[in-house]
Amino acid sequence: MRTSSPLDGLRFAFGTLTVLPVRVHRWDRGAARGGMLAAVLVGLVAGALSVALALLLLLLGAGPPLAAVGSVAVPAVLTRGLHLDGLADTADGLGSGKPAEEALRIMKRSDIGPFGVLTLVLTLLAQAAVLAQSYDDSWARGAAAAVTSAVTARLALTLAARGGVPAARPEGLGAAVAGVVPATGALALTVLCAAGAAAWGAAFGPYGALRAAAAVLFALAVAELLLHRCVRRFGGVTGDVFGALAETAATASLVVLAFGP
């Protein structure tokens, strides 16, 4: 059996994490490893497309609030809403207070319960509010915030797929990617993304670099707390948990960027 190539990883990343017409030719652990390591590239593309729509709306005369809604909508469309659905399902599972097996069954249902609805509403409001504030400051701040949140969201997926994190079910996307990423690779990507955020942040004042790097690291810390809770509660990760981690990291990074001059 041939070894997986970087192209296999890219196909896996874009074919599973977006609606883009990319065919996934390999579903083995090697391709999954490459795909999860390439997830930040998916975030970069999603962020760039969200910024493109926002800037188009601003160019056409729309205000920052509508531009912010556009930036929030693009990643949701690109993922078929699966990350948001995963966030809602995970909130329902955690909020149910049921044993792990029953909570997992609740998460697989097609309906959304009250915990899920509340979590979705607050999350989307927070994302749109921060992006509106950022676009109101300048288009560059808005663009930087949108790209940072999108990349950080996918970086949280890479970290959650590291070795030692088990799958809650023997099937599904969660099982396919659980434990495939080497810890050294996840750490290297974290350092790279934090450094990249600091680089663009330096363009926005003396504390910009610190705030941008802190946004990435704080978001990953919050996602890590949620991951720890889900592993203890459900016995491991699922596709829904991955979606919840992505949306949580995206929102947490934006919250940090909302503070300061």
C-alpha atoms as a PDB file:
ATOM      1  CA  MET A   1       0.000   0.000   0.000  1.00  0.00           C
ATOM      2  CA  ARG A   2       1.459   3.360  -1.018  1.00  0.00           C
ATOM      3  CA  THR A   3       2.182   5.995   1.568  1.00  0.00           C
ATOM      4  CA  SER A   4      -0.002   9.081   1.772  1.00  0.00           C
ATOM      5  CA  SER A   5       1.201  12.174  -0.086  1.00  0.00           C
ATOM      6  CA  PRO A   6       0.701  15.841   0.867  1.00  0.00           C
ATOM      7  CA  LEU A   7      -1.947  15.994  -1.856  1.00  0.00           C
ATOM      8  CA  ASP A   8      -3.881  13.214  -0.116  1.00  0.00           C
ATOM      9  CA  GLY A   9      -3.845  15.306   3.045  1.00  0.00           C
ATOM     10  CA  LEU A  10      -5.029  18.419   1.246  1.00  0.00           C
ATOM     11  CA  ARG A  11      -7.828  16.486  -0.419  1.00  0.00           C
ATOM     12  CA  PHE A  12      -8.856  15.053   2.929  1.00  0.00           C
ATOM     13  CA  ALA A  13      -8.830  18.494   4.573  1.00  0.00           C
ATOM     14  CA  PHE A  14     -10.804  20.355   1.925  1.00  0.00           C
ATOM     15  CA  GLY A  15     -13.031  17.395   1.076  1.00  0.00           C
ATOM     16  CA  THR A  16     -14.161  16.789   4.653  1.00  0.00           C
ATOM     17  CA  LEU A  17     -14.054  20.298   6.132  1.00  0.00           C
ATOM     18  CA  THR A  18     -15.653  22.266   3.281  1.00  0.00           C
ATOM     19  CA  VAL A  19     -18.329  22.016   0.610  1.00  0.00           C
ATOM     20  CA  LEU A  20     -15.751  22.679  -2.091  1.00  0.00           C
ATOM     21  CA  PRO A  21     -15.880  20.018  -4.831  1.00  0.00           C
ATOM     22  CA  VAL A  22     -12.773  18.132  -3.731  1.00  0.00           C
ATOM     23  CA  ARG A  23     -12.874  14.337  -3.930  1.00  0.00           C
ATOM     24  CA  VAL A  24     -11.268  12.421  -1.086  1.00  0.00           C
ATOM     25  CA  HIS A  25      -9.441   9.440  -2.577  1.00  0.00           C
ATOM     26  CA  ARG A  26      -8.013   8.028   0.632  1.00  0.00           C
ATOM     27  CA  TRP A  27      -9.594   7.604   4.081  1.00  0.00           C
ATOM     28  CA  ASP A  28      -6.710   5.874   5.850  1.00  0.00           C
ATOM     29  CA  ARG A  29      -4.944   7.196   8.920  1.00  0.00           C
ATOM     30  CA  GLY A  30      -2.088   8.667   6.891  1.00  0.00           C
ATOM     31  CA  ALA A  31      -4.418  10.778   4.775  1.00  0.00           C
ATOM     32  CA  ALA A  32      -6.352  11.792   7.895  1.00  0.00           C
ATOM     33  CA  ARG A  33      -3.110  12.884   9.562  1.00  0.00           C
ATOM     34  CA  GLY A  34      -2.156  15.024   6.603  1.00  0.00           C
ATOM     35  CA  GLY A  35      -5.671  16.410   6.422  1.00  0.00           C
ATOM     36  CA  MET A  36      -5.801  17.490  10.037  1.00  0.00           C
ATOM     37  CA  LEU A  37      -2.358  19.062   9.785  1.00  0.00           C
ATOM     38  CA  ALA A  38      -3.600  20.965   6.713  1.00  0.00           C
ATOM     39  CA  ALA A  39      -6.769  22.142   8.462  1.00  0.00           C
ATOM     40  CA  VAL A  40      -5.253  25.586   9.087  1.00  0.00           C
ATOM     41  CA  LEU A  41      -5.006  26.054   5.310  1.00  0.00           C
ATOM     42  CA  VAL A  42      -8.753  25.418   5.132  1.00  0.00           C
ATOM     43  CA  GLY A  43      -9.163  28.102   7.767  1.00  0.00           C
ATOM     44  CA  LEU A  44      -7.021  30.488   5.759  1.00  0.00           C
ATOM     45  CA  VAL A  45      -9.185  29.955   2.665  1.00  0.00           C
ATOM     46  CA  ALA A  46     -12.415  30.264   4.662  1.00  0.00           C
ATOM     47  CA  GLY A  47     -11.178  33.450   6.287  1.00  0.00           C
ATOM     48  CA  ALA A  48     -10.093  34.951   2.979  1.00  0.00           C
ATOM     49  CA  LEU A  49     -13.462  34.228   1.372  1.00  0.00           C
ATOM     50  CA  SER A  50     -15.322  35.684   4.355  1.00  0.00           C
ATOM     51  CA  VAL A  51     -13.240  38.842   4.115  1.00  0.00           C
ATOM     52  CA  ALA A  52     -13.862  39.065   0.366  1.00  0.00           C
ATOM     53  CA  LEU A  53     -17.628  39.102   0.898  1.00  0.00           C
ATOM     54  CA  ALA A  54     -17.382  41.596   3.743  1.00  0.00           C
ATOM     55  CA  LEU A  55     -15.224  43.975   1.711  1.00  0.00           C
ATOM     56  CA  LEU A  56     -17.577  43.677  -1.238  1.00  0.00           C
ATOM     57  CA  LEU A  57     -20.498  44.631   0.987  1.00  0.00           C
ATOM     58  CA  LEU A  58     -18.563  47.601   2.382  1.00  0.00           C
ATOM     59  CA  LEU A  59     -17.600  48.675  -1.135  1.00  0.00           C
ATOM     60  CA  LEU A  60     -21.254  48.586  -2.166  1.00  0.00           C
ATOM     61  CA  GLY A  61     -22.165  50.894   0.707  1.00  0.00           C
ATOM     62  CA  ALA A  62     -23.247  48.459   3.423  1.00  0.00           C
ATOM     63  CA  GLY A  63     -22.346  49.189   7.021  1.00  0.00           C
ATOM     64  CA  PRO A  64     -20.046  47.220   9.332  1.00  0.00           C
ATOM     65  CA  PRO A  65     -22.894  45.153  10.869  1.00  0.00           C
ATOM     66  CA  LEU A  66     -23.898  43.679   7.505  1.00  0.00           C
ATOM     67  CA  ALA A  67     -20.250  43.112   6.599  1.00  0.00           C
ATOM     68  CA  ALA A  68     -19.858  41.249   9.879  1.00  0.00           C
ATOM     69  CA  VAL A  69     -22.858  39.065   9.134  1.00  0.00           C
ATOM     70  CA  GLY A  70     -21.311  38.258   5.765  1.00  0.00           C
ATOM     71  CA  SER A  71     -18.057  37.248   7.431  1.00  0.00           C
ATOM     72  CA  VAL A  72     -19.917  34.958   9.832  1.00  0.00           C
ATOM     73  CA  ALA A  73     -22.060  33.459   7.086  1.00  0.00           C
ATOM     74  CA  VAL A  74     -19.284  32.396   4.717  1.00  0.00           C
ATOM     75  CA  PRO A  75     -17.558  29.862   7.021  1.00  0.00           C
ATOM     76  CA  ALA A  76     -20.962  28.488   7.993  1.00  0.00           C
ATOM     77  CA  VAL A  77     -21.879  27.940   4.346  1.00  0.00           C
ATOM     78  CA  LEU A  78     -18.468  26.462   3.536  1.00  0.00           C
ATOM     79  CA  THR A  79     -18.941  23.836   6.256  1.00  0.00           C
ATOM     80  CA  ARG A  80     -22.609  23.138   5.399  1.00  0.00           C
ATOM     81  CA  GLY A  81     -23.328  24.462   8.881  1.00  0.00           C
ATOM     82  CA  LEU A  82     -21.802  21.289  10.349  1.00  0.00           C
ATOM     83  CA  HIS A  83     -19.629  23.111  12.869  1.00  0.00           C
ATOM     84  CA  LEU A  84     -22.607  25.069  14.146  1.00  0.00           C
ATOM     85  CA  ASP A  85     -24.684  21.902  14.202  1.00  0.00           C
ATOM     86  CA  GLY A  86     -21.917  20.186  16.157  1.00  0.00           C
ATOM     87  CA  LEU A  87     -21.828  23.067  18.619  1.00  0.00           C
ATOM     88  CA  ALA A  88     -25.578  22.813  19.206  1.00  0.00           C
ATOM     89  CA  ASP A  89     -25.520  19.023  19.516  1.00  0.00           C
ATOM     90  CA  THR A  90     -22.591  19.101  21.920  1.00  0.00           C
ATOM     91  CA  ALA A  91     -24.335  21.722  24.052  1.00  0.00           C
ATOM     92  CA  ASP A  92     -27.433  19.515  24.189  1.00  0.00           C
ATOM     93  CA  GLY A  93     -25.339  16.466  25.087  1.00  0.00           C
ATOM     94  CA  LEU A  94     -23.428  18.245  27.830  1.00  0.00           C
ATOM     95  CA  GLY A  95     -26.534  19.958  29.158  1.00  0.00           C
ATOM     96  CA  SER A  96     -28.643  16.816  29.245  1.00  0.00           C
ATOM     97  CA  GLY A  97     -27.043  15.465  32.401  1.00  0.00           C
ATOM     98  CA  LYS A  98     -27.510  11.945  30.996  1.00  0.00           C
ATOM     99  CA  PRO A  99     -24.951   9.095  31.040  1.00  0.00           C
ATOM    100  CA  ALA A 100     -22.457   9.048  28.170  1.00  0.00           C
ATOM    101  CA  GLU A 101     -24.297   6.586  25.918  1.00  0.00           C
ATOM    102  CA  GLU A 102     -27.610   8.397  26.251  1.00  0.00           C
ATOM    103  CA  ALA A 103     -25.969  11.785  25.808  1.00  0.00           C
ATOM    104  CA  LEU A 104     -24.365  10.541  22.573  1.00  0.00           C
ATOM    105  CA  ARG A 105     -27.780   9.393  21.356  1.00  0.00           C
ATOM    106  CA  ILE A 106     -29.170  12.852  22.095  1.00  0.00           C
ATOM    107  CA  MET A 107     -26.358  14.375  20.030  1.00  0.00           C
ATOM    108  CA  LYS A 108     -27.195  12.159  17.033  1.00  0.00           C
ATOM    109  CA  ARG A 109     -30.812  13.335  16.879  1.00  0.00           C
ATOM    110  CA  SER A 110     -31.767  15.703  14.083  1.00  0.00           C
ATOM    111  CA  ASP A 111     -33.570  18.150  16.355  1.00  0.00           C
ATOM    112  CA  ILE A 112     -31.936  20.860  18.492  1.00  0.00           C
ATOM    113  CA  GLY A 113     -32.811  21.261  22.151  1.00  0.00           C
ATOM    114  CA  PRO A 114     -32.905  24.416  24.285  1.00  0.00           C
ATOM    115  CA  PHE A 115     -29.236  24.228  25.280  1.00  0.00           C
ATOM    116  CA  GLY A 116     -28.264  24.008  21.628  1.00  0.00           C
ATOM    117  CA  VAL A 117     -30.466  26.897  20.538  1.00  0.00           C
ATOM    118  CA  LEU A 118     -29.197  29.187  23.304  1.00  0.00           C
ATOM    119  CA  THR A 119     -25.582  28.309  22.572  1.00  0.00           C
ATOM    120  CA  LEU A 120     -26.001  28.929  18.849  1.00  0.00           C
ATOM    121  CA  VAL A 121     -27.693  32.298  19.338  1.00  0.00           C
ATOM    122  CA  LEU A 122     -25.105  33.583  21.801  1.00  0.00           C
ATOM    123  CA  THR A 123     -22.187  32.325  19.726  1.00  0.00           C
ATOM    124  CA  LEU A 124     -23.376  33.888  16.477  1.00  0.00           C
ATOM    125  CA  LEU A 125     -24.245  37.151  18.216  1.00  0.00           C
ATOM    126  CA  ALA A 126     -20.795  37.320  19.797  1.00  0.00           C
ATOM    127  CA  GLN A 127     -19.033  36.632  16.494  1.00  0.00           C
ATOM    128  CA  ALA A 128     -21.070  39.185  14.577  1.00  0.00           C
ATOM    129  CA  ALA A 129     -20.733  41.823  17.305  1.00  0.00           C
ATOM    130  CA  VAL A 130     -16.939  41.618  17.442  1.00  0.00           C
ATOM    131  CA  LEU A 131     -16.550  41.588  13.671  1.00  0.00           C
ATOM    132  CA  ALA A 132     -18.882  44.588  13.342  1.00  0.00           C
ATOM    133  CA  GLN A 133     -16.735  46.449  15.854  1.00  0.00           C
ATOM    134  CA  SER A 134     -13.583  45.465  13.978  1.00  0.00           C
ATOM    135  CA  TYR A 135     -14.909  46.505  10.565  1.00  0.00           C
ATOM    136  CA  ASP A 136     -16.131  49.756  12.093  1.00  0.00           C
ATOM    137  CA  ASP A 137     -12.561  50.487  13.244  1.00  0.00           C
ATOM    138  CA  SER A 138     -11.152  49.749   9.790  1.00  0.00           C
ATOM    139  CA  TRP A 139     -11.521  47.219   7.014  1.00  0.00           C
ATOM    140  CA  ALA A 140      -8.009  45.956   7.807  1.00  0.00           C
ATOM    141  CA  ARG A 141      -8.864  45.193  11.436  1.00  0.00           C
ATOM    142  CA  GLY A 142     -12.021  43.421  10.364  1.00  0.00           C
ATOM    143  CA  ALA A 143     -10.165  41.376   7.781  1.00  0.00           C
ATOM    144  CA  ALA A 144      -7.444  40.413  10.240  1.00  0.00           C
ATOM    145  CA  ALA A 145      -9.984  39.391  12.872  1.00  0.00           C
ATOM    146  CA  ALA A 146     -11.990  37.279  10.425  1.00  0.00           C
ATOM    147  CA  VAL A 147      -8.934  35.414   9.132  1.00  0.00           C
ATOM    148  CA  THR A 148      -7.520  34.898  12.619  1.00  0.00           C
ATOM    149  CA  SER A 149     -10.743  33.415  13.940  1.00  0.00           C
ATOM    150  CA  ALA A 150     -11.110  31.102  10.935  1.00  0.00           C
ATOM    151  CA  VAL A 151      -7.545  29.808  11.171  1.00  0.00           C
ATOM    152  CA  THR A 152      -7.703  29.409  14.955  1.00  0.00           C
ATOM    153  CA  ALA A 153     -10.939  27.448  14.642  1.00  0.00           C
ATOM    154  CA  ARG A 154      -9.258  24.891  12.369  1.00  0.00           C
ATOM    155  CA  LEU A 155      -6.116  24.829  14.491  1.00  0.00           C
ATOM    156  CA  ALA A 156      -8.314  23.719  17.391  1.00  0.00           C
ATOM    157  CA  LEU A 157      -9.341  20.739  15.243  1.00  0.00           C
ATOM    158  CA  THR A 158      -5.707  19.814  14.667  1.00  0.00           C
ATOM    159  CA  LEU A 159      -4.965  19.906  18.387  1.00  0.00           C
ATOM    160  CA  ALA A 160      -8.056  17.837  19.181  1.00  0.00           C
ATOM    161  CA  ALA A 161      -6.879  15.166  16.716  1.00  0.00           C
ATOM    162  CA  ARG A 162      -3.548  14.709  18.479  1.00  0.00           C
ATOM    163  CA  GLY A 163      -2.383  11.409  19.853  1.00  0.00           C
ATOM    164  CA  GLY A 164      -3.902  10.344  23.160  1.00  0.00           C
ATOM    165  CA  VAL A 165      -7.350  11.841  22.507  1.00  0.00           C
ATOM    166  CA  PRO A 166      -9.755   8.904  22.029  1.00  0.00           C
ATOM    167  CA  ALA A 167     -12.865   8.636  19.877  1.00  0.00           C
ATOM    168  CA  ALA A 168     -16.220   8.316  21.639  1.00  0.00           C
ATOM    169  CA  ARG A 169     -17.641   6.084  18.887  1.00  0.00           C
ATOM    170  CA  PRO A 170     -16.013   3.462  16.644  1.00  0.00           C
ATOM    171  CA  GLU A 171     -17.453   5.114  13.537  1.00  0.00           C
ATOM    172  CA  GLY A 172     -17.842   8.574  12.042  1.00  0.00           C
ATOM    173  CA  LEU A 173     -15.445  11.421  11.274  1.00  0.00           C
ATOM    174  CA  GLY A 174     -14.407  11.673  14.910  1.00  0.00           C
ATOM    175  CA  ALA A 175     -13.154   8.103  14.884  1.00  0.00           C
ATOM    176  CA  ALA A 176     -11.420   8.625  11.529  1.00  0.00           C
ATOM    177  CA  VAL A 177      -9.254  11.493  12.779  1.00  0.00           C
ATOM    178  CA  ALA A 178      -8.937  10.840  16.521  1.00  0.00           C
ATOM    179  CA  GLY A 179      -5.326  10.505  17.586  1.00  0.00           C
ATOM    180  CA  VAL A 180      -3.799  10.884  14.110  1.00  0.00           C
ATOM    181  CA  VAL A 181      -1.762  14.073  14.667  1.00  0.00           C
ATOM    182  CA  PRO A 182       1.656  13.837  16.347  1.00  0.00           C
ATOM    183  CA  ALA A 183       1.958  16.119  19.365  1.00  0.00           C
ATOM    184  CA  THR A 184       5.081  17.717  17.891  1.00  0.00           C
ATOM    185  CA  GLY A 185       3.216  18.623  14.703  1.00  0.00           C
ATOM    186  CA  ALA A 186       0.341  20.152  16.654  1.00  0.00           C
ATOM    187  CA  LEU A 187       2.772  22.175  18.782  1.00  0.00           C
ATOM    188  CA  ALA A 188       4.685  23.401  15.738  1.00  0.00           C
ATOM    189  CA  LEU A 189       1.495  24.594  14.073  1.00  0.00           C
ATOM    190  CA  THR A 190       0.414  26.363  17.245  1.00  0.00           C
ATOM    191  CA  VAL A 191       3.688  28.273  17.435  1.00  0.00           C
ATOM    192  CA  LEU A 192       3.520  29.117  13.729  1.00  0.00           C
ATOM    193  CA  CYS A 193      -0.053  30.412  13.915  1.00  0.00           C
ATOM    194  CA  ALA A 194       0.582  32.442  17.071  1.00  0.00           C
ATOM    195  CA  ALA A 195       3.671  33.984  15.473  1.00  0.00           C
ATOM    196  CA  GLY A 196       1.744  34.764  12.306  1.00  0.00           C
ATOM    197  CA  ALA A 197      -1.003  36.451  14.308  1.00  0.00           C
ATOM    198  CA  ALA A 198       1.578  38.482  16.212  1.00  0.00           C
ATOM    199  CA  ALA A 199       3.143  39.589  12.932  1.00  0.00           C
ATOM    200  CA  TRP A 200      -0.074  41.085  11.553  1.00  0.00           C
ATOM    201  CA  GLY A 201      -1.059  42.395  14.968  1.00  0.00           C
ATOM    202  CA  ALA A 202       2.089  44.499  15.140  1.00  0.00           C
ATOM    203  CA  ALA A 203       0.641  46.654  12.353  1.00  0.00           C
ATOM    204  CA  PHE A 204      -2.122  47.867  14.698  1.00  0.00           C
ATOM    205  CA  GLY A 205      -0.139  49.491  17.462  1.00  0.00           C
ATOM    206  CA  PRO A 206       2.376  48.602  20.190  1.00  0.00           C
ATOM    207  CA  TYR A 207       0.110  46.066  21.872  1.00  0.00           C
ATOM    208  CA  GLY A 208      -1.311  44.650  18.661  1.00  0.00           C
ATOM    209  CA  ALA A 209       1.169  41.789  18.388  1.00  0.00           C
ATOM    210  CA  LEU A 210       0.577  40.714  21.983  1.00  0.00           C
ATOM    211  CA  ARG A 211      -3.199  40.910  21.636  1.00  0.00           C
ATOM    212  CA  ALA A 212      -3.244  38.935  18.382  1.00  0.00           C
ATOM    213  CA  ALA A 213      -1.023  36.163  19.722  1.00  0.00           C
ATOM    214  CA  ALA A 214      -3.050  36.095  22.934  1.00  0.00           C
ATOM    215  CA  ALA A 215      -6.243  35.716  20.886  1.00  0.00           C
ATOM    216  CA  VAL A 216      -4.914  32.519  19.309  1.00  0.00           C
ATOM    217  CA  LEU A 217      -3.513  31.045  22.517  1.00  0.00           C
ATOM    218  CA  PHE A 218      -6.516  31.971  24.667  1.00  0.00           C
ATOM    219  CA  ALA A 219      -8.897  30.484  22.114  1.00  0.00           C
ATOM    220  CA  LEU A 220      -6.942  27.228  22.058  1.00  0.00           C
ATOM    221  CA  ALA A 221      -6.929  27.126  25.862  1.00  0.00           C
ATOM    222  CA  VAL A 222     -10.712  27.544  25.960  1.00  0.00           C
ATOM    223  CA  ALA A 223     -11.120  24.850  23.300  1.00  0.00           C
ATOM    224  CA  GLU A 224      -8.823  22.586  25.301  1.00  0.00           C
ATOM    225  CA  LEU A 225     -11.044  22.976  28.373  1.00  0.00           C
ATOM    226  CA  LEU A 226     -14.073  22.043  26.298  1.00  0.00           C
ATOM    227  CA  LEU A 227     -12.198  19.075  24.813  1.00  0.00           C
ATOM    228  CA  HIS A 228     -11.249  17.844  28.282  1.00  0.00           C
ATOM    229  CA  ARG A 229     -14.856  18.156  29.413  1.00  0.00           C
ATOM    230  CA  CYS A 230     -16.170  16.265  26.384  1.00  0.00           C
ATOM    231  CA  VAL A 231     -13.644  13.444  26.729  1.00  0.00           C
ATOM    232  CA  ARG A 232     -14.566  12.989  30.372  1.00  0.00           C
ATOM    233  CA  ARG A 233     -18.290  13.302  29.657  1.00  0.00           C
ATOM    234  CA  PHE A 234     -18.598  11.253  26.454  1.00  0.00           C
ATOM    235  CA  GLY A 235     -15.511   9.076  26.631  1.00  0.00           C
ATOM    236  CA  GLY A 236     -13.852  10.757  23.651  1.00  0.00           C
ATOM    237  CA  VAL A 237     -14.425  12.978  20.650  1.00  0.00           C
ATOM    238  CA  THR A 238     -17.055  12.839  17.926  1.00  0.00           C
ATOM    239  CA  GLY A 239     -17.655  14.834  14.766  1.00  0.00           C
ATOM    240  CA  ASP A 240     -20.016  17.032  16.777  1.00  0.00           C
ATOM    241  CA  VAL A 241     -17.335  17.708  19.357  1.00  0.00           C
ATOM    242  CA  PHE A 242     -14.916  18.756  16.623  1.00  0.00           C
ATOM    243  CA  GLY A 243     -17.507  21.213  15.326  1.00  0.00           C
ATOM    244  CA  ALA A 244     -18.075  22.593  18.812  1.00  0.00           C
ATOM    245  CA  LEU A 245     -14.341  23.055  19.331  1.00  0.00           C
ATOM    246  CA  ALA A 246     -14.000  24.978  16.070  1.00  0.00           C
ATOM    247  CA  GLU A 247     -16.839  27.400  16.854  1.00  0.00           C
ATOM    248  CA  THR A 248     -15.671  27.834  20.439  1.00  0.00           C
ATOM    249  CA  ALA A 249     -12.133  28.670  19.357  1.00  0.00           C
ATOM    250  CA  ALA A 250     -13.344  31.079  16.667  1.00  0.00           C
ATOM    251  CA  THR A 251     -15.540  32.937  19.144  1.00  0.00           C
ATOM    252  CA  ALA A 252     -12.943  33.033  21.931  1.00  0.00           C
ATOM    253  CA  SER A 253     -10.302  34.489  19.608  1.00  0.00           C
ATOM    254  CA  LEU A 254     -12.700  37.224  18.499  1.00  0.00           C
ATOM    255  CA  VAL A 255     -13.586  38.089  22.080  1.00  0.00           C
ATOM    256  CA  VAL A 256      -9.928  38.753  22.869  1.00  0.00           C
ATOM    257  CA  LEU A 257      -9.568  40.905  19.753  1.00  0.00           C
ATOM    258  CA  ALA A 258     -12.546  42.994  20.874  1.00  0.00           C
ATOM    259  CA  PHE A 259     -10.573  44.494  23.751  1.00  0.00           C
ATOM    260  CA  GLY A 260      -7.955  47.172  23.580  1.00  0.00           C
ATOM    261  CA  PRO A 261      -7.376  50.191  21.349  1.00  0.00           C
END
